Amino acid sequence: MSAEKTLEILELFDFESRTLSVPEIAAKLQQPQSSVYRHMRVLKEKGYIIEYSPGLYSLGYIFLKLAKIVKMDINLPAVAQDAMRELTRATGETSILLVPSNLQAVCLASVPSGHPIKVSSEQGTIVPLYGGASSKALLAYMGDRVVEEIFNTNMVKRHTEHTILSIDEMKNHLADIREKGYAVSVSEIDYGVTAYGMPIFDSDGKLVASLSIAGPKERLENKRVEEIVIALKDAVEKIQDQI
């Protein structure tokens, strides 16, 4: 029972109630202040609570350490799995989870739509950062230095007539992606494939991955862009809520 009360105290803290006094905690839990003081003393000694100002308490810095441990153990494909399945059901297209790696991108997971398409969506597949909505949703948030390095090291090559080969055109294109919040590509890497992609950020605002859907150009042309973007955004937000 004592441990349960201690946890109930910690659970009272949230974004709206970042600091609390003992009388406030006692009132919320309908417990005597003397009992709350005993629990608070233990929490303070262990670093779970700090006295923010005289009589006001907030969560301690130990939670930053615990949060980092949790984040290190997060399995992104497992966290994203349900959201990706829902995205594929909502759009009818293959969903793809991509992460940046050494000036390239790697497919971490995919949920196929059941419709065969020629697109690089196998787990472990390495794809260029400069082409396709999945990759450009990453590159748009990686900074000009990365863009320049990719172009200056002659990594960019023509895959189709729609591949962007000019660094200035690419920078303008990436700026447009940042403004809209999502990327679109049509036959940039794979002929006949259209894709929509969005970046995924963790709780610190750090870019960790991109989520995209890809399918035949003819089929996606008949779908409303707004509905695709909303479904993609919903899936990204569900993943971000967990990381």
C-alpha atoms as a PDB file:
ATOM      1  CA  MET A   1       0.000   0.000   0.000  1.00  0.00           C
ATOM      2  CA  SER A   2       2.867   2.384   0.809  1.00  0.00           C
ATOM      3  CA  ALA A   3       4.453   1.838  -2.618  1.00  0.00           C
ATOM      4  CA  GLU A   4       1.068   2.356  -4.267  1.00  0.00           C
ATOM      5  CA  LYS A   5       0.602   5.719  -2.510  1.00  0.00           C
ATOM      6  CA  THR A   6       4.088   6.776  -3.524  1.00  0.00           C
ATOM      7  CA  LEU A   7       3.309   6.034  -7.170  1.00  0.00           C
ATOM      8  CA  GLU A   8       0.013   7.909  -6.893  1.00  0.00           C
ATOM      9  CA  ILE A   9       1.949  10.985  -5.761  1.00  0.00           C
ATOM     10  CA  LEU A  10       4.277  10.800  -8.777  1.00  0.00           C
ATOM     11  CA  GLU A  11       1.347  10.349 -11.151  1.00  0.00           C
ATOM     12  CA  LEU A  12      -0.154  13.666 -10.002  1.00  0.00           C
ATOM     13  CA  PHE A  13       2.616  15.551 -11.817  1.00  0.00           C
ATOM     14  CA  ASP A  14       1.905  16.385 -15.452  1.00  0.00           C
ATOM     15  CA  PHE A  15       2.380  19.241 -17.925  1.00  0.00           C
ATOM     16  CA  GLU A  16      -0.384  21.267 -16.280  1.00  0.00           C
ATOM     17  CA  SER A  17       0.734  20.471 -12.715  1.00  0.00           C
ATOM     18  CA  ARG A  18       4.518  20.614 -12.854  1.00  0.00           C
ATOM     19  CA  THR A  19       4.803  21.837  -9.273  1.00  0.00           C
ATOM     20  CA  LEU A  20       2.645  20.818  -6.316  1.00  0.00           C
ATOM     21  CA  SER A  21       2.516  21.565  -2.599  1.00  0.00           C
ATOM     22  CA  VAL A  22       1.910  18.985   0.121  1.00  0.00           C
ATOM     23  CA  PRO A  23      -1.560  20.408   0.900  1.00  0.00           C
ATOM     24  CA  GLU A  24      -2.472  20.135  -2.815  1.00  0.00           C
ATOM     25  CA  ILE A  25      -1.227  16.551  -3.000  1.00  0.00           C
ATOM     26  CA  ALA A  26      -3.032  15.617   0.211  1.00  0.00           C
ATOM     27  CA  ALA A  27      -6.280  17.107  -1.112  1.00  0.00           C
ATOM     28  CA  LYS A  28      -6.013  15.349  -4.471  1.00  0.00           C
ATOM     29  CA  LEU A  29      -5.305  11.980  -2.829  1.00  0.00           C
ATOM     30  CA  GLN A  30      -7.648  12.589   0.105  1.00  0.00           C
ATOM     31  CA  GLN A  31      -4.812  11.678   2.456  1.00  0.00           C
ATOM     32  CA  PRO A  32      -3.560  13.334   5.676  1.00  0.00           C
ATOM     33  CA  GLN A  33      -0.746  15.825   5.083  1.00  0.00           C
ATOM     34  CA  SER A  34       1.395  13.975   7.634  1.00  0.00           C
ATOM     35  CA  SER A  35       1.192  10.826   5.507  1.00  0.00           C
ATOM     36  CA  VAL A  36       2.035  12.736   2.337  1.00  0.00           C
ATOM     37  CA  TYR A  37       5.041  14.361   4.047  1.00  0.00           C
ATOM     38  CA  ARG A  38       6.435  10.885   4.889  1.00  0.00           C
ATOM     39  CA  HIS A  39       6.191   9.772   1.266  1.00  0.00           C
ATOM     40  CA  MET A  40       7.637  13.039   0.002  1.00  0.00           C
ATOM     41  CA  ARG A  41      10.629  12.723   2.317  1.00  0.00           C
ATOM     42  CA  VAL A  42      11.510   9.310   0.869  1.00  0.00           C
ATOM     43  CA  LEU A  43      11.010  10.514  -2.722  1.00  0.00           C
ATOM     44  CA  LYS A  44      13.186  13.550  -2.052  1.00  0.00           C
ATOM     45  CA  GLU A  45      15.959  11.454  -0.488  1.00  0.00           C
ATOM     46  CA  LYS A  46      15.981   9.157  -3.538  1.00  0.00           C
ATOM     47  CA  GLY A  47      16.010  12.045  -6.019  1.00  0.00           C
ATOM     48  CA  TYR A  48      12.571  11.453  -7.481  1.00  0.00           C
ATOM     49  CA  ILE A  49      11.279  14.765  -6.114  1.00  0.00           C
ATOM     50  CA  ILE A  50      13.031  18.110  -5.682  1.00  0.00           C
ATOM     51  CA  GLU A  51      11.877  21.150  -3.733  1.00  0.00           C
ATOM     52  CA  TYR A  52      11.444  23.586  -6.604  1.00  0.00           C
ATOM     53  CA  SER A  53      10.860  26.481  -4.185  1.00  0.00           C
ATOM     54  CA  PRO A  54       9.910  26.571  -0.502  1.00  0.00           C
ATOM     55  CA  GLY A  55       6.822  24.382  -0.111  1.00  0.00           C
ATOM     56  CA  LEU A  56       6.586  23.538  -3.815  1.00  0.00           C
ATOM     57  CA  TYR A  57       7.815  20.255  -5.263  1.00  0.00           C
ATOM     58  CA  SER A  58       8.522  19.018  -8.783  1.00  0.00           C
ATOM     59  CA  LEU A  59       9.815  15.825 -10.377  1.00  0.00           C
ATOM     60  CA  GLY A  60      13.532  15.190  -9.894  1.00  0.00           C
ATOM     61  CA  TYR A  61      16.255  14.937 -12.497  1.00  0.00           C
ATOM     62  CA  ILE A  62      16.504  11.198 -12.053  1.00  0.00           C
ATOM     63  CA  PHE A  63      13.591  10.938 -14.487  1.00  0.00           C
ATOM     64  CA  LEU A  64      15.844  12.347 -17.235  1.00  0.00           C
ATOM     65  CA  LYS A  65      18.217   9.443 -16.673  1.00  0.00           C
ATOM     66  CA  LEU A  66      15.376   6.935 -16.656  1.00  0.00           C
ATOM     67  CA  ALA A  67      13.924   8.464 -19.830  1.00  0.00           C
ATOM     68  CA  LYS A  68      17.266   8.098 -21.611  1.00  0.00           C
ATOM     69  CA  ILE A  69      17.435   4.427 -20.603  1.00  0.00           C
ATOM     70  CA  VAL A  70      13.935   3.837 -21.954  1.00  0.00           C
ATOM     71  CA  LYS A  71      14.750   5.614 -25.223  1.00  0.00           C
ATOM     72  CA  MET A  72      17.888   3.509 -25.687  1.00  0.00           C
ATOM     73  CA  ASP A  73      15.803   0.363 -25.384  1.00  0.00           C
ATOM     74  CA  ILE A  74      13.045   1.472 -27.752  1.00  0.00           C
ATOM     75  CA  ASN A  75      12.668  -0.865 -30.698  1.00  0.00           C
ATOM     76  CA  LEU A  76      11.483   1.545 -33.374  1.00  0.00           C
ATOM     77  CA  PRO A  77      10.067  -1.076 -35.783  1.00  0.00           C
ATOM     78  CA  ALA A  78       8.102  -2.653 -32.936  1.00  0.00           C
ATOM     79  CA  VAL A  79       6.838   0.745 -31.763  1.00  0.00           C
ATOM     80  CA  ALA A  80       5.840   1.709 -35.312  1.00  0.00           C
ATOM     81  CA  GLN A  81       4.270  -1.600 -36.301  1.00  0.00           C
ATOM     82  CA  ASP A  82       0.650  -0.892 -35.325  1.00  0.00           C
ATOM     83  CA  ALA A  83       0.696   2.616 -36.788  1.00  0.00           C
ATOM     84  CA  MET A  84       2.177   1.294 -40.048  1.00  0.00           C
ATOM     85  CA  ARG A  85      -0.439  -1.429 -40.343  1.00  0.00           C
ATOM     86  CA  GLU A  86      -3.182   1.101 -39.757  1.00  0.00           C
ATOM     87  CA  LEU A  87      -1.613   3.430 -42.340  1.00  0.00           C
ATOM     88  CA  THR A  88      -1.518   0.654 -44.936  1.00  0.00           C
ATOM     89  CA  ARG A  89      -5.156  -0.217 -44.210  1.00  0.00           C
ATOM     90  CA  ALA A  90      -6.188   3.440 -44.454  1.00  0.00           C
ATOM     91  CA  THR A  91      -4.362   4.182 -47.719  1.00  0.00           C
ATOM     92  CA  GLY A  92      -4.261   0.759 -49.343  1.00  0.00           C
ATOM     93  CA  GLU A  93      -0.559   1.280 -50.048  1.00  0.00           C
ATOM     94  CA  THR A  94       2.739  -0.080 -48.754  1.00  0.00           C
ATOM     95  CA  SER A  95       4.089   1.770 -45.714  1.00  0.00           C
ATOM     96  CA  ILE A  96       7.845   2.133 -45.241  1.00  0.00           C
ATOM     97  CA  LEU A  97       9.968   3.065 -42.209  1.00  0.00           C
ATOM     98  CA  LEU A  98      13.350   4.534 -43.152  1.00  0.00           C
ATOM     99  CA  VAL A  99      16.330   5.680 -41.044  1.00  0.00           C
ATOM    100  CA  PRO A 100      19.407   7.704 -42.103  1.00  0.00           C
ATOM    101  CA  SER A 101      22.766   5.935 -42.171  1.00  0.00           C
ATOM    102  CA  ASN A 102      26.097   7.288 -43.468  1.00  0.00           C
ATOM    103  CA  LEU A 103      24.748   9.628 -46.168  1.00  0.00           C
ATOM    104  CA  GLN A 104      22.267   6.959 -47.211  1.00  0.00           C
ATOM    105  CA  ALA A 105      19.034   5.541 -45.825  1.00  0.00           C
ATOM    106  CA  VAL A 106      18.077   2.061 -44.668  1.00  0.00           C
ATOM    107  CA  CYS A 107      14.654   0.464 -44.733  1.00  0.00           C
ATOM    108  CA  LEU A 108      13.937  -0.567 -41.164  1.00  0.00           C
ATOM    109  CA  ALA A 109      10.502  -2.068 -41.742  1.00  0.00           C
ATOM    110  CA  SER A 110       7.640  -2.147 -44.209  1.00  0.00           C
ATOM    111  CA  VAL A 111       4.032  -3.258 -44.320  1.00  0.00           C
ATOM    112  CA  PRO A 112       3.101  -4.375 -47.855  1.00  0.00           C
ATOM    113  CA  SER A 113      -0.258  -3.465 -49.312  1.00  0.00           C
ATOM    114  CA  GLY A 114      -0.734  -6.726 -51.140  1.00  0.00           C
ATOM    115  CA  HIS A 115      -0.410  -4.916 -54.466  1.00  0.00           C
ATOM    116  CA  PRO A 116       2.933  -5.730 -56.108  1.00  0.00           C
ATOM    117  CA  ILE A 117       5.014  -2.627 -56.800  1.00  0.00           C
ATOM    118  CA  LYS A 118       8.619  -2.145 -57.829  1.00  0.00           C
ATOM    119  CA  VAL A 119       9.857  -0.175 -54.836  1.00  0.00           C
ATOM    120  CA  SER A 120      12.823  -0.627 -52.500  1.00  0.00           C
ATOM    121  CA  SER A 121      10.930  -1.612 -49.347  1.00  0.00           C
ATOM    122  CA  GLU A 122      12.637  -4.785 -48.167  1.00  0.00           C
ATOM    123  CA  GLN A 123      13.945  -4.646 -44.599  1.00  0.00           C
ATOM    124  CA  GLY A 124      17.660  -3.813 -44.651  1.00  0.00           C
ATOM    125  CA  THR A 125      17.605  -2.348 -48.161  1.00  0.00           C
ATOM    126  CA  ILE A 126      19.943   0.646 -48.577  1.00  0.00           C
ATOM    127  CA  VAL A 127      18.518   3.510 -50.637  1.00  0.00           C
ATOM    128  CA  PRO A 128      19.876   6.943 -51.650  1.00  0.00           C
ATOM    129  CA  LEU A 129      18.977   9.984 -49.562  1.00  0.00           C
ATOM    130  CA  TYR A 130      18.542  12.253 -52.564  1.00  0.00           C
ATOM    131  CA  GLY A 131      15.591  10.549 -54.228  1.00  0.00           C
ATOM    132  CA  GLY A 132      12.118   9.400 -53.290  1.00  0.00           C
ATOM    133  CA  ALA A 133       9.728  10.848 -50.726  1.00  0.00           C
ATOM    134  CA  SER A 134      10.849   8.427 -48.014  1.00  0.00           C
ATOM    135  CA  SER A 135      14.448   9.623 -48.241  1.00  0.00           C
ATOM    136  CA  LYS A 136      13.773  13.299 -48.903  1.00  0.00           C
ATOM    137  CA  ALA A 137      11.574  13.459 -45.790  1.00  0.00           C
ATOM    138  CA  LEU A 138      14.833  12.675 -43.957  1.00  0.00           C
ATOM    139  CA  LEU A 139      17.242  14.781 -46.013  1.00  0.00           C
ATOM    140  CA  ALA A 140      15.075  17.899 -45.669  1.00  0.00           C
ATOM    141  CA  TYR A 141      15.839  17.950 -41.938  1.00  0.00           C
ATOM    142  CA  MET A 142      19.514  16.911 -41.996  1.00  0.00           C
ATOM    143  CA  GLY A 143      20.986  20.309 -42.865  1.00  0.00           C
ATOM    144  CA  ASP A 144      22.737  21.852 -45.877  1.00  0.00           C
ATOM    145  CA  ARG A 145      26.087  20.335 -44.931  1.00  0.00           C
ATOM    146  CA  VAL A 146      24.780  16.823 -45.529  1.00  0.00           C
ATOM    147  CA  VAL A 147      23.164  17.862 -48.819  1.00  0.00           C
ATOM    148  CA  GLU A 148      26.426  19.428 -49.989  1.00  0.00           C
ATOM    149  CA  GLU A 149      28.446  16.380 -48.975  1.00  0.00           C
ATOM    150  CA  ILE A 150      26.153  14.081 -50.941  1.00  0.00           C
ATOM    151  CA  PHE A 151      26.462  16.210 -54.076  1.00  0.00           C
ATOM    152  CA  ASN A 152      30.167  17.055 -53.698  1.00  0.00           C
ATOM    153  CA  THR A 153      31.169  13.388 -53.340  1.00  0.00           C
ATOM    154  CA  ASN A 154      29.411  12.498 -56.602  1.00  0.00           C
ATOM    155  CA  MET A 155      26.945  10.179 -54.889  1.00  0.00           C
ATOM    156  CA  VAL A 156      24.043  11.555 -56.906  1.00  0.00           C
ATOM    157  CA  LYS A 157      23.238   9.674 -60.094  1.00  0.00           C
ATOM    158  CA  ARG A 158      20.313   9.654 -62.496  1.00  0.00           C
ATOM    159  CA  HIS A 159      17.803   6.876 -61.834  1.00  0.00           C
ATOM    160  CA  THR A 160      15.030   8.320 -63.999  1.00  0.00           C
ATOM    161  CA  GLU A 161      14.436  11.595 -65.784  1.00  0.00           C
ATOM    162  CA  HIS A 162      12.762  12.833 -62.580  1.00  0.00           C
ATOM    163  CA  THR A 163      15.844  12.432 -60.354  1.00  0.00           C
ATOM    164  CA  ILE A 164      17.005  15.826 -59.053  1.00  0.00           C
ATOM    165  CA  LEU A 165      20.636  16.324 -60.128  1.00  0.00           C
ATOM    166  CA  SER A 166      21.163  20.006 -59.249  1.00  0.00           C
ATOM    167  CA  ILE A 167      22.166  20.913 -55.689  1.00  0.00           C
ATOM    168  CA  ASP A 168      20.418  24.295 -55.926  1.00  0.00           C
ATOM    169  CA  GLU A 169      17.221  22.670 -57.155  1.00  0.00           C
ATOM    170  CA  MET A 170      17.506  20.114 -54.354  1.00  0.00           C
ATOM    171  CA  LYS A 171      17.936  22.772 -51.654  1.00  0.00           C
ATOM    172  CA  ASN A 172      14.876  24.646 -52.923  1.00  0.00           C
ATOM    173  CA  HIS A 173      12.932  21.399 -53.074  1.00  0.00           C
ATOM    174  CA  LEU A 174      13.905  20.462 -49.497  1.00  0.00           C
ATOM    175  CA  ALA A 175      12.886  23.918 -48.281  1.00  0.00           C
ATOM    176  CA  ASP A 176       9.467  23.320 -49.841  1.00  0.00           C
ATOM    177  CA  ILE A 177       9.236  19.968 -48.029  1.00  0.00           C
ATOM    178  CA  ARG A 178       9.979  21.652 -44.695  1.00  0.00           C
ATOM    179  CA  GLU A 179       7.318  24.269 -45.410  1.00  0.00           C
ATOM    180  CA  LYS A 180       4.657  21.672 -46.258  1.00  0.00           C
ATOM    181  CA  GLY A 181       5.772  19.119 -43.680  1.00  0.00           C
ATOM    182  CA  TYR A 182       5.824  16.215 -46.112  1.00  0.00           C
ATOM    183  CA  ALA A 183       7.587  15.028 -49.272  1.00  0.00           C
ATOM    184  CA  VAL A 184       6.146  13.739 -52.546  1.00  0.00           C
ATOM    185  CA  SER A 185       7.931  11.899 -55.305  1.00  0.00           C
ATOM    186  CA  VAL A 186       6.865  10.526 -58.674  1.00  0.00           C
ATOM    187  CA  SER A 187       9.143   8.047 -60.463  1.00  0.00           C
ATOM    188  CA  GLU A 188      12.322   9.538 -58.956  1.00  0.00           C
ATOM    189  CA  ILE A 189      14.062   6.260 -58.141  1.00  0.00           C
ATOM    190  CA  ASP A 190      11.634   3.575 -59.329  1.00  0.00           C
ATOM    191  CA  TYR A 191       9.617   4.086 -62.518  1.00  0.00           C
ATOM    192  CA  GLY A 192       5.879   4.279 -62.038  1.00  0.00           C
ATOM    193  CA  VAL A 193       6.054   4.656 -58.237  1.00  0.00           C
ATOM    194  CA  THR A 194       4.558   7.593 -56.347  1.00  0.00           C
ATOM    195  CA  ALA A 195       5.325   8.114 -52.665  1.00  0.00           C
ATOM    196  CA  TYR A 196       4.472  10.455 -49.792  1.00  0.00           C
ATOM    197  CA  GLY A 197       6.808  10.738 -46.793  1.00  0.00           C
ATOM    198  CA  MET A 198       7.013  12.512 -43.428  1.00  0.00           C
ATOM    199  CA  PRO A 199       9.818  12.843 -40.870  1.00  0.00           C
ATOM    200  CA  ILE A 200       9.608  11.285 -37.403  1.00  0.00           C
ATOM    201  CA  PHE A 201      11.139  13.143 -34.447  1.00  0.00           C
ATOM    202  CA  ASP A 202      11.727  11.921 -30.905  1.00  0.00           C
ATOM    203  CA  SER A 203      10.685  13.758 -27.724  1.00  0.00           C
ATOM    204  CA  ASP A 204      13.876  15.882 -27.922  1.00  0.00           C
ATOM    205  CA  GLY A 205      13.010  17.030 -31.434  1.00  0.00           C
ATOM    206  CA  LYS A 206      15.747  14.874 -32.980  1.00  0.00           C
ATOM    207  CA  LEU A 207      15.158  13.367 -36.417  1.00  0.00           C
ATOM    208  CA  VAL A 208      15.062   9.574 -36.075  1.00  0.00           C
ATOM    209  CA  ALA A 209      13.256   8.202 -39.123  1.00  0.00           C
ATOM    210  CA  SER A 210      10.733   8.811 -41.872  1.00  0.00           C
ATOM    211  CA  LEU A 211       7.421   7.143 -42.564  1.00  0.00           C
ATOM    212  CA  SER A 212       6.058   6.917 -46.077  1.00  0.00           C
ATOM    213  CA  ILE A 213       3.545   5.211 -48.291  1.00  0.00           C
ATOM    214  CA  ALA A 214       4.338   4.120 -51.826  1.00  0.00           C
ATOM    215  CA  GLY A 215       2.286   2.683 -54.642  1.00  0.00           C
ATOM    216  CA  PRO A 216       1.699   2.680 -58.390  1.00  0.00           C
ATOM    217  CA  LYS A 217       1.449   6.174 -59.836  1.00  0.00           C
ATOM    218  CA  GLU A 218      -1.831   5.395 -61.605  1.00  0.00           C
ATOM    219  CA  ARG A 219      -3.559   4.286 -58.409  1.00  0.00           C
ATOM    220  CA  LEU A 220      -2.295   7.131 -56.223  1.00  0.00           C
ATOM    221  CA  GLU A 221      -3.343   9.706 -58.814  1.00  0.00           C
ATOM    222  CA  ASN A 222      -6.946   8.702 -58.092  1.00  0.00           C
ATOM    223  CA  LYS A 223      -6.614   9.303 -54.337  1.00  0.00           C
ATOM    224  CA  ARG A 224      -7.075  12.604 -52.541  1.00  0.00           C
ATOM    225  CA  VAL A 225      -3.757  14.106 -51.447  1.00  0.00           C
ATOM    226  CA  GLU A 226      -5.379  15.571 -48.314  1.00  0.00           C
ATOM    227  CA  GLU A 227      -6.579  12.149 -47.158  1.00  0.00           C
ATOM    228  CA  ILE A 228      -3.151  10.592 -47.714  1.00  0.00           C
ATOM    229  CA  VAL A 229      -1.398  13.388 -45.805  1.00  0.00           C
ATOM    230  CA  ILE A 230      -3.863  13.163 -42.889  1.00  0.00           C
ATOM    231  CA  ALA A 231      -3.432   9.377 -42.631  1.00  0.00           C
ATOM    232  CA  LEU A 232       0.353   9.750 -42.768  1.00  0.00           C
ATOM    233  CA  LYS A 233       0.347  12.506 -40.149  1.00  0.00           C
ATOM    234  CA  ASP A 234      -1.859  10.451 -37.812  1.00  0.00           C
ATOM    235  CA  ALA A 235       0.526   7.490 -38.073  1.00  0.00           C
ATOM    236  CA  VAL A 236       3.606   9.656 -37.479  1.00  0.00           C
ATOM    237  CA  GLU A 237       2.028  11.260 -34.405  1.00  0.00           C
ATOM    238  CA  LYS A 238       1.174   7.846 -32.948  1.00  0.00           C
ATOM    239  CA  ILE A 239       4.798   6.765 -33.340  1.00  0.00           C
ATOM    240  CA  GLN A 240       6.174  10.051 -31.955  1.00  0.00           C
ATOM    241  CA  ASP A 241       3.945   9.750 -28.886  1.00  0.00           C
ATOM    242  CA  GLN A 242       5.874   6.591 -27.985  1.00  0.00           C
ATOM    243  CA  ILE A 243       9.419   7.838 -28.552  1.00  0.00           C
END
